[in-house]
C-alpha cells in the first residue's frame, strides 16, 4: 500500500471513529434530555398539586 493510500485509510478510520463517538454522545444527550423532561414534568405536577392544596387550605 502506498503512503498516500495508507494515510487516507487512517483518516477514514479516524472519521469513522469520530462519527461513532458523536453518535454515542448524541445518545447520551438524548437520554439526559429525556431524564430532564421527566424530572421537569414531575416537579411541575408536584408544584401544581401543592398550589391547589394551599388554595384549599386558604379557602377553609
PDB file of N, CA and C in Angstrom:
ATOM      1  N   UNK A   1       0.852  -1.188   0.000  1.00  0.00           N
ATOM      2  CA  UNK A   1       0.000   0.000   0.000  1.00  0.00           C
ATOM      3  C   UNK A   1       0.888   1.240   0.000  1.00  0.00           C
ATOM      4  N   UNK A   2       0.576   2.196  -0.869  1.00  0.00           N
ATOM      5  CA  UNK A   2       1.386   3.422  -0.904  1.00  0.00           C
ATOM      6  C   UNK A   2       1.115   4.271   0.342  1.00  0.00           C
ATOM      7  N   UNK A   3       2.039   5.187   0.603  1.00  0.00           N
ATOM      8  CA  UNK A   3       1.909   6.026   1.805  1.00  0.00           C
ATOM      9  C   UNK A   3       0.631   6.859   1.748  1.00  0.00           C
ATOM     10  N   UNK A   4       0.329   7.408   0.562  1.00  0.00           N
ATOM     11  CA  UNK A   4      -0.865   8.250   0.434  1.00  0.00           C
ATOM     12  C   UNK A   4      -2.124   7.441   0.752  1.00  0.00           C
ATOM     13  N   UNK A   5      -2.193   6.228   0.194  1.00  0.00           N
ATOM     14  CA  UNK A   5      -3.371   5.396   0.454  1.00  0.00           C
ATOM     15  C   UNK A   5      -3.442   5.027   1.924  1.00  0.00           C
ATOM     16  N   UNK A   6      -2.287   4.748   2.505  1.00  0.00           N
ATOM     17  CA  UNK A   6      -2.238   4.400   3.916  1.00  0.00           C
ATOM     18  C   UNK A   6      -2.765   5.561   4.762  1.00  0.00           C
ATOM     19  N   UNK A   7      -2.327   6.784   4.423  1.00  0.00           N
ATOM     20  CA  UNK A   7      -2.765   7.961   5.177  1.00  0.00           C
ATOM     21  C   UNK A   7      -4.263   8.192   5.017  1.00  0.00           C
ATOM     22  N   UNK A   8      -4.750   8.055   3.764  1.00  0.00           N
ATOM     23  CA  UNK A   8      -6.178   8.293   3.560  1.00  0.00           C
ATOM     24  C   UNK A   8      -6.996   7.226   4.296  1.00  0.00           C
ATOM     25  N   UNK A   9      -6.464   6.000   4.369  1.00  0.00           N
ATOM     26  CA  UNK A   9      -7.162   4.949   5.104  1.00  0.00           C
ATOM     27  C   UNK A   9      -7.208   5.295   6.591  1.00  0.00           C
ATOM     28  N   UNK A  10      -6.088   5.804   7.119  1.00  0.00           N
ATOM     29  CA  UNK A  10      -6.052   6.204   8.534  1.00  0.00           C
ATOM     30  C   UNK A  10      -7.070   7.321   8.786  1.00  0.00           C
ATOM     31  N   UNK A  11      -7.130   8.274   7.846  1.00  0.00           N
ATOM     32  CA  UNK A  11      -8.076   9.383   8.002  1.00  0.00           C
ATOM     33  C   UNK A  11      -9.504   8.843   7.996  1.00  0.00           C
ATOM     34  N   UNK A  12      -9.760   7.897   7.101  1.00  0.00           N
ATOM     35  CA  UNK A  12     -11.085   7.290   7.022  1.00  0.00           C
ATOM     36  C   UNK A  12     -11.430   6.611   8.344  1.00  0.00           C
ATOM     37  N   UNK A  13     -10.475   5.855   8.893  1.00  0.00           N
ATOM     38  CA  UNK A  13     -10.707   5.188  10.175  1.00  0.00           C
ATOM     39  C   UNK A  13     -11.014   6.204  11.265  1.00  0.00           C
ATOM     40  N   UNK A  14     -10.251   7.295  11.281  1.00  0.00           N
ATOM     41  CA  UNK A  14     -10.465   8.336  12.293  1.00  0.00           C
ATOM     42  C   UNK A  14     -11.849   8.944  12.148  1.00  0.00           C
ATOM     43  N   UNK A  15     -12.251   9.221  10.903  1.00  0.00           N
ATOM     44  CA  UNK A  15     -13.581   9.791  10.670  1.00  0.00           C
ATOM     45  C   UNK A  15     -14.669   8.844  11.142  1.00  0.00           C
ATOM     46  N   UNK A  16     -14.503   7.563  10.847  1.00  0.00           N
ATOM     47  CA  UNK A  16     -15.499   6.577  11.282  1.00  0.00           C
ATOM     48  C   UNK A  16     -15.565   6.565  12.804  1.00  0.00           C
ATOM     49  N   UNK A  17     -14.381   6.599  13.426  1.00  0.00           N
ATOM     50  CA  UNK A  17     -14.325   6.591  14.886  1.00  0.00           C
ATOM     51  C   UNK A  17     -15.022   7.822  15.458  1.00  0.00           C
ATOM     52  N   UNK A  18     -14.736   9.001  14.879  1.00  0.00           N
ATOM     53  CA  UNK A  18     -15.368  10.233  15.353  1.00  0.00           C
ATOM     54  C   UNK A  18     -16.874  10.184  15.162  1.00  0.00           C
ATOM     55  N   UNK A  19     -17.292   9.668  14.019  1.00  0.00           N
ATOM     56  CA  UNK A  19     -18.716   9.570  13.728  1.00  0.00           C
ATOM     57  C   UNK A  19     -19.391   8.688  14.775  1.00  0.00           C
ATOM     58  N   UNK A  20     -18.779   7.543  15.069  1.00  0.00           N
ATOM     59  CA  UNK A  20     -19.318   6.632  16.079  1.00  0.00           C
ATOM     60  C   UNK A  20     -19.360   7.331  17.435  1.00  0.00           C
ATOM     61  N   UNK A  21     -18.287   8.054  17.755  1.00  0.00           N
ATOM     62  CA  UNK A  21     -18.200   8.770  19.030  1.00  0.00           C
ATOM     63  C   UNK A  21     -19.316   9.805  19.135  1.00  0.00           C
ATOM     64  N   UNK A  22     -19.538  10.529  18.037  1.00  0.00           N
ATOM     65  CA  UNK A  22     -20.602  11.544  18.043  1.00  0.00           C
ATOM     66  C   UNK A  22     -21.961  10.900  18.254  1.00  0.00           C
ATOM     67  N   UNK A  23     -22.179   9.749  17.604  1.00  0.00           N
ATOM     68  CA  UNK A  23     -23.468   9.069  17.778  1.00  0.00           C
ATOM     69  C   UNK A  23     -23.665   8.669  19.231  1.00  0.00           C
ATOM     70  N   UNK A  24     -22.600   8.135  19.852  1.00  0.00           N
ATOM     71  CA  UNK A  24     -22.686   7.748  21.268  1.00  0.00           C
ATOM     72  C   UNK A  24     -22.990   8.969  22.132  1.00  0.00           C
ATOM     73  N   UNK A  25     -22.301  10.079  21.844  1.00  0.00           N
ATOM     74  CA  UNK A  25     -22.542  11.309  22.612  1.00  0.00           C
ATOM     75  C   UNK A  25     -23.989  11.758  22.434  1.00  0.00           C
ATOM     76  N   UNK A  26     -24.489  11.668  21.196  1.00  0.00           N
ATOM     77  CA  UNK A  26     -25.862  12.087  20.920  1.00  0.00           C
ATOM     78  C   UNK A  26     -26.844  11.220  21.699  1.00  0.00           C
ATOM     79  N   UNK A  27     -26.567   9.901  21.756  1.00  0.00           N
ATOM     80  CA  UNK A  27     -27.433   9.012  22.535  1.00  0.00           C
ATOM     81  C   UNK A  27     -27.456   9.424  23.993  1.00  0.00           C
ATOM     82  N   UNK A  28     -26.254   9.732  24.543  1.00  0.00           N
ATOM     83  CA  UNK A  28     -26.177  10.160  25.949  1.00  0.00           C
ATOM     84  C   UNK A  28     -26.986  11.431  26.155  1.00  0.00           C
ATOM     85  N   UNK A  29     -26.821  12.382  25.222  1.00  0.00           N
ATOM     86  CA  UNK A  29     -27.552  13.643  25.343  1.00  0.00           C
ATOM     87  C   UNK A  29     -29.052  13.405  25.273  1.00  0.00           C
ATOM     88  N   UNK A  30     -29.479  12.531  24.372  1.00  0.00           N
ATOM     89  CA  UNK A  30     -30.907  12.241  24.257  1.00  0.00           C
ATOM     90  C   UNK A  30     -31.445  11.652  25.547  1.00  0.00           C
ATOM     91  N   UNK A  31     -30.674  10.718  26.143  1.00  0.00           N
ATOM     92  CA  UNK A  31     -31.097  10.133  27.417  1.00  0.00           C
ATOM     93  C   UNK A  31     -31.193  11.204  28.487  1.00  0.00           C
ATOM     94  N   UNK A  32     -30.192  12.098  28.526  1.00  0.00           N
ATOM     95  CA  UNK A  32     -30.210  13.165  29.525  1.00  0.00           C
ATOM     96  C   UNK A  32     -31.409  14.073  29.310  1.00  0.00           C
ATOM     97  N   UNK A  33     -31.689  14.414  28.061  1.00  0.00           N
ATOM     98  CA  UNK A  33     -32.834  15.276  27.767  1.00  0.00           C
ATOM     99  C   UNK A  33     -34.127  14.627  28.219  1.00  0.00           C
ATOM    100  N   UNK A  34     -34.273  13.321  27.948  1.00  0.00           N
ATOM    101  CA  UNK A  34     -35.466  12.612  28.395  1.00  0.00           C
ATOM    102  C   UNK A  34     -35.574  12.655  29.908  1.00  0.00           C
ATOM    103  N   UNK A  35     -34.454  12.420  30.580  1.00  0.00           N
ATOM    104  CA  UNK A  35     -34.454  12.441  32.041  1.00  0.00           C
ATOM    105  C   UNK A  35     -34.879  13.808  32.549  1.00  0.00           C
ATOM    106  N   UNK A  36     -34.278  14.865  31.989  1.00  0.00           N
ATOM    107  CA  UNK A  36     -34.641  16.217  32.412  1.00  0.00           C
ATOM    108  C   UNK A  36     -36.112  16.483  32.136  1.00  0.00           C
ATOM    109  N   UNK A  37     -36.607  16.006  31.001  1.00  0.00           N
ATOM    110  CA  UNK A  37     -38.010  16.218  30.655  1.00  0.00           C
ATOM    111  C   UNK A  37     -38.911  15.604  31.718  1.00  0.00           C
ATOM    112  N   UNK A  38     -38.614  14.344  32.105  1.00  0.00           N
ATOM    113  CA  UNK A  38     -39.460  13.680  33.092  1.00  0.00           C
ATOM    114  C   UNK A  38     -39.333  14.331  34.464  1.00  0.00           C
ATOM    115  N   UNK A  39     -38.112  14.713  34.832  1.00  0.00           N
ATOM    116  CA  UNK A  39     -37.920  15.389  36.125  1.00  0.00           C
ATOM    117  C   UNK A  39     -38.700  16.698  36.140  1.00  0.00           C
ATOM    118  N   UNK A  40     -38.579  17.473  35.071  1.00  0.00           N
ATOM    119  CA  UNK A  40     -39.296  18.752  34.991  1.00  0.00           C
ATOM    120  C   UNK A  40     -40.797  18.543  35.082  1.00  0.00           C
ATOM    121  N   UNK A  41     -41.289  17.537  34.353  1.00  0.00           N
ATOM    122  CA  UNK A  41     -42.728  17.291  34.352  1.00  0.00           C
ATOM    123  C   UNK A  41     -43.202  16.892  35.744  1.00  0.00           C
ATOM    124  N   UNK A  42     -42.420  16.030  36.396  1.00  0.00           N
ATOM    125  CA  UNK A  42     -42.780  15.587  37.739  1.00  0.00           C
ATOM    126  C   UNK A  42     -42.793  16.767  38.703  1.00  0.00           C
ATOM    127  N   UNK A  43     -41.741  17.587  38.631  1.00  0.00           N
ATOM    128  CA  UNK A  43     -41.682  18.762  39.510  1.00  0.00           C
ATOM    129  C   UNK A  43     -42.874  19.684  39.266  1.00  0.00           C
ATOM    130  N   UNK A  44     -43.226  19.854  38.012  1.00  0.00           N
ATOM    131  CA  UNK A  44     -44.342  20.732  37.672  1.00  0.00           C
ATOM    132  C   UNK A  44     -45.643  20.188  38.265  1.00  0.00           C
ATOM    133  N   UNK A  45     -45.850  18.868  38.134  1.00  0.00           N
ATOM    134  CA  UNK A  45     -47.060  18.258  38.691  1.00  0.00           C
ATOM    135  C   UNK A  45     -47.104  18.426  40.206  1.00  0.00           C
ATOM    136  N   UNK A  46     -45.967  18.176  40.856  1.00  0.00           N
ATOM    137  CA  UNK A  46     -45.900  18.329  42.314  1.00  0.00           C
ATOM    138  C   UNK A  46     -46.202  19.770  42.700  1.00  0.00           C
ATOM    139  N   UNK A  47     -45.605  20.692  41.984  1.00  0.00           N
ATOM    140  CA  UNK A  47     -45.787  22.117  42.255  1.00  0.00           C
ATOM    141  C   UNK A  47     -47.257  22.507  42.111  1.00  0.00           C
ATOM    142  N   UNK A  48     -47.894  22.050  41.028  1.00  0.00           N
ATOM    143  CA  UNK A  48     -49.297  22.400  40.800  1.00  0.00           C
ATOM    144  C   UNK A  48     -50.195  21.795  41.869  1.00  0.00           C
ATOM    145  N   UNK A  49     -49.922  20.554  42.264  1.00  0.00           N
ATOM    146  CA  UNK A  49     -50.761  19.938  43.291  1.00  0.00           C
ATOM    147  C   UNK A  49     -50.552  20.646  44.630  1.00  0.00           C
ATOM    148  N   UNK A  50     -49.321  21.093  44.901  1.00  0.00           N
ATOM    149  CA  UNK A  50     -49.066  21.846  46.134  1.00  0.00           C
ATOM    150  C   UNK A  50     -49.839  23.156  46.146  1.00  0.00           C
ATOM    151  N   UNK A  51     -49.860  23.832  45.011  1.00  0.00           N
ATOM    152  CA  UNK A  51     -50.594  25.103  44.923  1.00  0.00           C
ATOM    153  C   UNK A  51     -52.077  24.856  45.174  1.00  0.00           C
ATOM    154  N   UNK A  52     -52.617  23.786  44.592  1.00  0.00           N
ATOM    155  CA  UNK A  52     -54.040  23.505  44.787  1.00  0.00           C
ATOM    156  C   UNK A  52     -54.335  23.189  46.248  1.00  0.00           C
ATOM    157  N   UNK A  53     -53.457  22.434  46.900  1.00  0.00           N
ATOM    158  CA  UNK A  53     -53.659  22.134  48.314  1.00  0.00           C
ATOM    159  C   UNK A  53     -53.582  23.410  49.146  1.00  0.00           C
ATOM    160  N   UNK A  54     -52.666  24.278  48.786  1.00  0.00           N
ATOM    161  CA  UNK A  54     -52.511  25.540  49.500  1.00  0.00           C
ATOM    162  C   UNK A  54     -53.778  26.386  49.360  1.00  0.00           C
ATOM    163  N   UNK A  55     -54.338  26.429  48.145  1.00  0.00           N
ATOM    164  CA  UNK A  55     -55.576  27.187  47.922  1.00  0.00           C
ATOM    165  C   UNK A  55     -56.718  26.602  48.747  1.00  0.00           C
ATOM    166  N   UNK A  56     -56.775  25.266  48.813  1.00  0.00           N
ATOM    167  CA  UNK A  56     -57.816  24.623  49.623  1.00  0.00           C
ATOM    168  C   UNK A  56     -57.679  25.046  51.078  1.00  0.00           C
ATOM    169  N   UNK A  57     -56.448  25.055  51.570  1.00  0.00           N
ATOM    170  CA  UNK A  57     -56.206  25.465  52.958  1.00  0.00           C
ATOM    171  C   UNK A  57     -56.653  26.912  53.176  1.00  0.00           C
ATOM    172  N   UNK A  58     -56.362  27.767  52.212  1.00  0.00           N
ATOM    173  CA  UNK A  58     -56.749  29.172  52.342  1.00  0.00           C
ATOM    174  C   UNK A  58     -58.265  29.319  52.341  1.00  0.00           C
ATOM    175  N   UNK A  59     -58.938  28.473  51.581  1.00  0.00           N
ATOM    176  CA  UNK A  59     -60.391  28.597  51.443  1.00  0.00           C
ATOM    177  C   UNK A  59     -61.146  28.039  52.637  1.00  0.00           C
ATOM    178  N   UNK A  60     -60.479  27.261  53.458  1.00  0.00           N
ATOM    179  CA  UNK A  60     -61.189  26.645  54.591  1.00  0.00           C
ATOM    180  C   UNK A  60     -61.652  27.688  55.590  1.00  0.00           C
TER     181      UNK A  60
END
